[in-house]
Amino acid sequence: SVEYGSDLVVYITIAILVVSVSVLYAKTQRQGRLNTKIIREFAIQDVIKT
């Protein structure tokens, strides 16, 4: 029936949203670690130069 079909669409949409949020969170965490590494390297280079 239409009711079950619409339920399926809602469930699939929720699953897609959960996966999307998880992927974006992982990418954000990875980018944060990369930024920290780059900034740390620049800071160490700056200390070595002075």
C-alpha atoms as a PDB file:
ATOM      1  CA  SER A   1       0.000   0.000   0.000  1.00  0.00           C
ATOM      2  CA  VAL A   2       0.964   3.646  -0.258  1.00  0.00           C
ATOM      3  CA  GLU A   3       1.505   3.913   3.479  1.00  0.00           C
ATOM      4  CA  TYR A   4       4.192   1.231   3.525  1.00  0.00           C
ATOM      5  CA  GLY A   5       5.856   2.691   0.456  1.00  0.00           C
ATOM      6  CA  SER A   6       6.090   6.105   2.073  1.00  0.00           C
ATOM      7  CA  ASP A   7       7.468   4.497   5.244  1.00  0.00           C
ATOM      8  CA  LEU A   8      10.174   2.855   3.162  1.00  0.00           C
ATOM      9  CA  VAL A   9      11.091   6.193   1.588  1.00  0.00           C
ATOM     10  CA  VAL A  10      11.351   7.782   5.043  1.00  0.00           C
ATOM     11  CA  TYR A  11      13.538   4.939   6.351  1.00  0.00           C
ATOM     12  CA  ILE A  12      15.844   5.084   3.346  1.00  0.00           C
ATOM     13  CA  THR A  13      16.096   8.872   3.634  1.00  0.00           C
ATOM     14  CA  ILE A  14      16.997   8.623   7.317  1.00  0.00           C
ATOM     15  CA  ALA A  15      19.643   5.992   6.551  1.00  0.00           C
ATOM     16  CA  ILE A  16      21.144   8.176   3.820  1.00  0.00           C
ATOM     17  CA  LEU A  17      21.204  11.174   6.160  1.00  0.00           C
ATOM     18  CA  VAL A  18      22.934   9.188   8.906  1.00  0.00           C
ATOM     19  CA  VAL A  19      25.583   7.936   6.489  1.00  0.00           C
ATOM     20  CA  SER A  20      26.087  11.429   5.043  1.00  0.00           C
ATOM     21  CA  VAL A  21      26.499  13.006   8.469  1.00  0.00           C
ATOM     22  CA  SER A  22      28.950  10.271   9.477  1.00  0.00           C
ATOM     23  CA  VAL A  23      31.043  10.800   6.350  1.00  0.00           C
ATOM     24  CA  LEU A  24      31.068  14.575   6.801  1.00  0.00           C
ATOM     25  CA  TYR A  25      32.049  14.190  10.462  1.00  0.00           C
ATOM     26  CA  ALA A  26      34.921  11.881   9.528  1.00  0.00           C
ATOM     27  CA  LYS A  27      36.132  14.299   6.854  1.00  0.00           C
ATOM     28  CA  THR A  28      35.955  17.206   9.301  1.00  0.00           C
ATOM     29  CA  GLN A  29      37.955  15.278  11.891  1.00  0.00           C
ATOM     30  CA  ARG A  30      40.555  14.295   9.289  1.00  0.00           C
ATOM     31  CA  GLN A  31      40.858  17.900   8.104  1.00  0.00           C
ATOM     32  CA  GLY A  32      41.275  19.095  11.687  1.00  0.00           C
ATOM     33  CA  ARG A  33      44.108  16.629  12.286  1.00  0.00           C
ATOM     34  CA  LEU A  34      45.780  17.700   9.037  1.00  0.00           C
ATOM     35  CA  ASN A  35      45.489  21.387   9.969  1.00  0.00           C
ATOM     36  CA  THR A  36      46.978  20.677  13.389  1.00  0.00           C
ATOM     37  CA  LYS A  37      49.892  18.808  11.821  1.00  0.00           C
ATOM     38  CA  ILE A  38      50.609  21.604   9.328  1.00  0.00           C
ATOM     39  CA  ILE A  39      50.384  24.342  11.965  1.00  0.00           C
ATOM     40  CA  ARG A  40      52.638  22.351  14.303  1.00  0.00           C
ATOM     41  CA  GLU A  41      55.249  21.960  11.554  1.00  0.00           C
ATOM     42  CA  PHE A  42      55.159  25.692  10.765  1.00  0.00           C
ATOM     43  CA  ALA A  43      55.511  26.532  14.460  1.00  0.00           C
ATOM     44  CA  ILE A  44      58.498  24.219  14.841  1.00  0.00           C
ATOM     45  CA  GLN A  45      60.135  25.695  11.727  1.00  0.00           C
ATOM     46  CA  ASP A  46      59.545  29.198  13.105  1.00  0.00           C
ATOM     47  CA  VAL A  47      61.181  28.296  16.424  1.00  0.00           C
ATOM     48  CA  ILE A  48      64.159  26.718  14.657  1.00  0.00           C
ATOM     49  CA  LYS A  49      64.697  29.852  12.516  1.00  0.00           C
ATOM     50  CA  THR A  50      64.710  32.222  15.484  1.00  0.00           C
END
